[in-house]
Amino acid sequence: MKKRILLPLLLFLLMITAPVRAAEPTLNKTVLKITIGKKAALKVNGISSSVKVKWKSADQKIATVTKKGTVTAVSAGKTKITATFNGQTLTCTVRVNKVPIVAMKKLSRYRYFRKYMSESEMTKAYKAALKVVKPLQGLRIEEQVIGIAVELRRMFDEGMEYSMKKKHYNDPYGYLVLKWASCAGCARTTGLCLNMLGFEYEHVNENKYSHQWARVKVGKKYWICDAYGLYVGEEPGVRKHPYLS
């Protein structure tokens, strides 16, 4: 009888005195799905904050990663982010998705555009703008902004009539459908294309008798996107244009 009691007691004592194994370090995410331009934080769980972690992206054209593990989606595709520490490496698979094109009535500035066009005209302008933005979906943010300016300029160079009097000269329907050109119409058309790709933008000098263009944030800096004025890139100063005094 004593032996039957003693054996379970010994097993219990072994269990409570056995060393507890530390949990294996893990990444907070092993698969990360993210859209171009978005950021996400990776971290290693189960290690001391004093342990130095080296982060690396297998393809920086797809996604970059900072020294602190912040991932930024650059262009559509798939890559791997690795975290190396104490001779150990952990991996996260990153899938960067194309920027979804915003449906017409879900545009953040839909009501603004509708002030200038009927719903039918807006629909036609939106469909024409789709041809501009669709090829840009999987590209880097900078390439998307440049691509809009290049395509809208191509349209102008291939035959548009300049006007500041004809109906719709200053809106996307006039620029994309009727082929009337002005800096105001080009700026609003640029804005429509940017908005369709999820960008917020500013119409500089709107409704002023002065050159007008779209201003958009690219990363931490503001860019000018001006197909009509033949400039796309960082602004030299707040709302300053390099070709205007």
Protein backbone atom coordinates (compact mmCIF):
# COMPACT_ATOMS: atom_id res chain seq x y z
CA MET A 1 0.00 0.00 0.00
CA LYS A 2 2.85 2.40 0.87
CA LYS A 3 4.55 1.73 -2.47
CA ARG A 4 1.37 2.70 -4.33
CA ILE A 5 1.27 6.04 -2.50
CA LEU A 6 5.00 6.70 -2.78
CA LEU A 7 5.26 6.28 -6.57
CA PRO A 8 2.70 8.99 -7.48
CA LEU A 9 4.29 11.27 -4.90
CA LEU A 10 7.73 10.85 -6.48
CA LEU A 11 6.31 11.56 -9.94
CA PHE A 12 4.62 14.70 -8.65
CA LEU A 13 7.83 15.94 -7.06
CA LEU A 14 9.73 15.34 -10.32
CA MET A 15 7.13 17.33 -12.26
CA ILE A 16 7.24 20.39 -10.00
CA THR A 17 11.03 20.42 -9.75
CA ALA A 18 11.76 19.80 -13.45
CA PRO A 19 13.20 22.90 -15.23
CA VAL A 20 10.65 24.82 -17.28
CA ARG A 21 11.74 25.24 -20.91
CA ALA A 22 11.55 28.79 -22.21
CA ALA A 23 9.14 29.38 -25.08
CA GLU A 24 10.74 29.42 -28.52
CA PRO A 25 11.00 32.92 -30.06
CA THR A 26 8.40 33.60 -32.75
CA LEU A 27 7.42 36.41 -35.11
CA ASN A 28 4.14 38.14 -34.43
CA LYS A 29 3.29 37.44 -38.09
CA THR A 30 4.56 34.67 -40.36
CA VAL A 31 2.40 35.81 -43.29
CA LEU A 32 1.69 39.46 -43.97
CA LYS A 33 -0.80 40.70 -46.58
CA ILE A 34 -0.53 44.40 -47.25
CA THR A 35 -1.42 46.97 -49.91
CA ILE A 36 1.04 49.23 -51.74
CA GLY A 37 1.97 52.23 -49.61
CA LYS A 38 0.79 50.73 -46.32
CA LYS A 39 2.97 49.90 -43.31
CA ALA A 40 2.95 47.08 -40.76
CA ALA A 41 5.04 46.28 -37.69
CA LEU A 42 6.88 42.99 -37.24
CA LYS A 43 8.42 41.98 -33.94
CA VAL A 44 10.03 38.95 -32.35
CA ASN A 45 8.15 37.58 -29.36
CA GLY A 46 9.89 35.64 -26.63
CA ILE A 47 13.22 37.48 -26.48
CA SER A 48 14.64 40.16 -24.25
CA SER A 49 14.37 43.76 -25.42
CA SER A 50 18.17 43.94 -25.16
CA VAL A 51 18.64 41.32 -27.91
CA LYS A 52 19.66 42.94 -31.17
CA VAL A 53 17.55 41.87 -34.15
CA LYS A 54 18.73 42.36 -37.74
CA TRP A 55 15.88 42.81 -40.20
CA LYS A 56 16.24 42.23 -43.93
CA SER A 57 14.00 42.23 -47.01
CA ALA A 58 14.73 39.73 -49.76
CA ASP A 59 13.42 42.19 -52.36
CA GLN A 60 13.30 45.88 -51.49
CA LYS A 61 11.45 46.63 -54.73
CA ILE A 62 8.50 44.76 -53.22
CA ALA A 63 8.78 45.70 -49.54
CA THR A 64 11.29 47.43 -47.31
CA VAL A 65 11.89 46.97 -43.59
CA THR A 66 13.44 49.32 -41.03
CA LYS A 67 15.86 48.49 -38.22
CA LYS A 68 12.85 48.33 -35.91
CA GLY A 69 10.87 45.91 -38.07
CA THR A 70 8.46 48.32 -39.75
CA VAL A 71 7.52 46.97 -43.17
CA THR A 72 6.50 49.28 -46.01
CA ALA A 73 4.79 47.85 -49.09
CA VAL A 74 6.43 49.24 -52.22
CA SER A 75 5.00 47.42 -55.24
CA ALA A 76 2.83 44.39 -55.94
CA GLY A 77 4.49 41.01 -55.50
CA LYS A 78 5.81 38.54 -52.94
CA THR A 79 8.96 38.61 -50.83
CA LYS A 80 10.33 37.52 -47.47
CA ILE A 81 11.35 39.53 -44.43
CA THR A 82 13.85 37.85 -42.10
CA ALA A 83 14.71 38.58 -38.48
CA THR A 84 18.14 37.33 -37.38
CA PHE A 85 19.30 37.24 -33.75
CA ASN A 86 21.54 35.03 -31.59
CA GLY A 87 22.33 32.84 -34.60
CA GLN A 88 18.63 32.19 -35.25
CA THR A 89 16.53 33.36 -38.20
CA LEU A 90 12.76 33.76 -38.41
CA THR A 91 10.91 34.49 -41.66
CA CYS A 92 7.72 36.30 -42.61
CA THR A 93 6.25 35.92 -46.09
CA VAL A 94 5.01 39.30 -47.36
CA ARG A 95 2.40 39.55 -50.12
CA VAL A 96 1.92 43.08 -51.43
CA ASN A 97 -1.40 43.53 -53.19
CA LYS A 98 -2.29 45.98 -55.93
CA VAL A 99 -4.06 49.13 -54.88
CA PRO A 100 -7.79 48.55 -55.32
CA ILE A 101 -9.41 51.11 -57.60
CA VAL A 102 -12.08 53.03 -55.69
CA ALA A 103 -15.59 52.65 -57.09
CA MET A 104 -17.01 55.87 -58.52
CA LYS A 105 -19.60 56.60 -55.83
CA LYS A 106 -17.15 55.64 -53.07
CA LEU A 107 -14.57 58.22 -54.11
CA SER A 108 -13.77 60.46 -51.15
CA ARG A 109 -14.34 63.48 -53.44
CA TYR A 110 -17.31 62.14 -55.40
CA ARG A 111 -19.59 65.02 -54.42
CA TYR A 112 -16.90 67.52 -55.33
CA PHE A 113 -16.56 66.11 -58.85
CA ARG A 114 -20.33 65.95 -59.26
CA LYS A 115 -20.52 69.72 -58.81
CA TYR A 116 -19.01 70.02 -62.28
CA MET A 117 -20.64 67.08 -64.07
CA SER A 118 -23.96 65.29 -64.28
CA GLU A 119 -24.00 61.68 -63.10
CA SER A 120 -23.94 60.49 -66.71
CA GLU A 121 -20.96 62.74 -67.51
CA MET A 122 -19.23 61.66 -64.32
CA THR A 123 -19.71 58.01 -65.29
CA LYS A 124 -18.17 58.58 -68.72
CA ALA A 125 -15.23 60.49 -67.22
CA TYR A 126 -14.70 57.76 -64.60
CA LYS A 127 -14.65 55.03 -67.28
CA ALA A 128 -12.14 57.02 -69.32
CA ALA A 129 -9.97 57.55 -66.23
CA LEU A 130 -10.01 53.78 -65.59
CA LYS A 131 -7.88 53.37 -68.71
CA VAL A 132 -5.30 55.67 -67.13
CA VAL A 133 -5.14 54.15 -63.66
CA LYS A 134 -5.57 50.41 -64.26
CA PRO A 135 -2.04 49.87 -65.68
CA LEU A 136 -0.63 51.68 -62.63
CA GLN A 137 -2.20 49.54 -59.90
CA GLY A 138 0.78 47.30 -59.14
CA LEU A 139 3.46 49.98 -59.35
CA ARG A 140 5.30 51.95 -56.68
CA ILE A 141 3.52 55.06 -55.41
CA GLU A 142 6.01 57.33 -57.17
CA GLU A 143 5.49 55.44 -60.42
CA GLN A 144 1.72 55.75 -60.08
CA VAL A 145 1.88 59.52 -59.71
CA ILE A 146 4.36 59.84 -62.58
CA GLY A 147 2.27 57.47 -64.71
CA ILE A 148 -0.85 59.64 -64.32
CA ALA A 149 1.03 62.76 -65.43
CA VAL A 150 2.66 60.99 -68.38
CA GLU A 151 -0.60 59.54 -69.69
CA LEU A 152 -2.59 62.76 -69.32
CA ARG A 153 0.18 64.66 -71.09
CA ARG A 154 0.19 62.08 -73.90
CA MET A 155 -3.52 62.71 -74.40
CA PHE A 156 -2.90 66.44 -74.68
CA ASP A 157 0.01 66.04 -77.10
CA GLU A 158 -2.01 63.76 -79.37
CA GLY A 159 -4.62 66.38 -80.03
CA MET A 160 -6.61 68.49 -77.60
CA GLU A 161 -8.04 71.93 -78.09
CA TYR A 162 -7.17 74.57 -75.53
CA SER A 163 -10.18 76.42 -74.20
CA MET A 164 -11.26 78.50 -71.24
CA LYS A 165 -14.76 79.12 -72.58
CA LYS A 166 -16.25 75.85 -73.80
CA LYS A 167 -18.51 73.89 -71.51
CA HIS A 168 -16.59 71.45 -69.26
CA TYR A 169 -13.23 72.99 -70.16
CA ASN A 170 -12.33 72.78 -66.44
CA ASP A 171 -13.44 69.28 -65.47
CA PRO A 172 -12.57 65.60 -66.16
CA TYR A 173 -15.45 65.13 -68.60
CA GLY A 174 -14.13 67.97 -70.72
CA TYR A 175 -10.53 66.71 -70.60
CA LEU A 176 -11.10 62.97 -71.00
CA VAL A 177 -14.23 62.84 -73.17
CA LEU A 178 -14.65 66.12 -75.02
CA LYS A 179 -10.88 66.71 -75.31
CA TRP A 180 -10.93 70.34 -74.15
CA ALA A 181 -7.69 71.26 -72.39
CA SER A 182 -6.87 73.79 -69.69
CA CYS A 183 -4.69 73.69 -66.58
CA ALA A 184 -7.84 73.70 -64.40
CA GLY A 185 -9.37 70.76 -66.28
CA CYS A 186 -6.08 68.88 -66.23
CA ALA A 187 -5.68 69.45 -62.48
CA ARG A 188 -9.17 68.11 -61.74
CA THR A 189 -8.63 65.16 -64.07
CA THR A 190 -5.34 64.42 -62.31
CA GLY A 191 -7.21 64.62 -59.01
CA LEU A 192 -9.83 62.16 -60.20
CA CYS A 193 -7.15 59.65 -61.22
CA LEU A 194 -5.31 60.10 -57.93
CA ASN A 195 -8.53 59.70 -55.95
CA MET A 196 -9.37 56.50 -57.81
CA LEU A 197 -6.05 55.04 -56.60
CA GLY A 198 -6.80 56.07 -53.03
CA PHE A 199 -4.77 59.29 -52.92
CA GLU A 200 -6.01 62.46 -51.31
CA TYR A 201 -4.81 65.56 -53.10
CA GLU A 202 -4.99 69.34 -53.15
CA HIS A 203 -5.96 71.45 -56.15
CA VAL A 204 -3.47 74.32 -55.99
CA ASN A 205 -4.74 77.77 -57.09
CA GLU A 206 -8.21 76.35 -57.67
CA ASN A 207 -10.60 78.82 -59.32
CA LYS A 208 -7.86 81.43 -59.63
CA TYR A 209 -6.66 83.05 -62.82
CA SER A 210 -3.29 81.39 -62.37
CA HIS A 211 -1.63 78.11 -63.24
CA GLN A 212 -3.26 75.19 -61.41
CA TRP A 213 -2.01 71.72 -60.53
CA ALA A 214 -2.51 68.77 -58.19
CA ARG A 215 -0.48 68.47 -54.99
CA VAL A 216 -0.19 65.00 -53.44
CA LYS A 217 1.73 63.43 -50.57
CA VAL A 218 4.22 60.76 -51.67
CA GLY A 219 5.78 59.11 -48.65
CA LYS A 220 6.77 61.92 -46.31
CA LYS A 221 7.06 64.58 -49.01
CA TYR A 222 4.65 66.51 -51.19
CA TRP A 223 4.83 66.18 -54.95
CA ILE A 224 3.50 68.22 -57.82
CA CYS A 225 1.62 66.22 -60.42
CA ASP A 226 1.24 68.62 -63.32
CA ALA A 227 0.81 67.05 -66.75
CA TYR A 228 -0.21 70.36 -68.27
CA GLY A 229 2.82 72.23 -66.94
CA LEU A 230 5.23 69.38 -67.73
CA TYR A 231 6.40 68.73 -64.18
CA VAL A 232 5.95 65.82 -61.79
CA GLY A 233 8.12 65.43 -58.72
CA GLU A 234 8.91 66.95 -55.35
CA GLU A 235 7.75 70.50 -54.85
CA PRO A 236 10.60 72.98 -54.21
CA GLY A 237 8.58 74.66 -51.47
CA VAL A 238 5.10 74.54 -50.01
CA ARG A 239 2.75 74.95 -53.00
CA LYS A 240 5.67 76.25 -55.04
CA HIS A 241 6.13 75.28 -58.69
CA PRO A 242 9.67 75.06 -60.13
CA TYR A 243 8.59 76.70 -63.40
CA LEU A 244 6.76 79.64 -61.83
CA SER A 245 8.33 82.60 -60.08
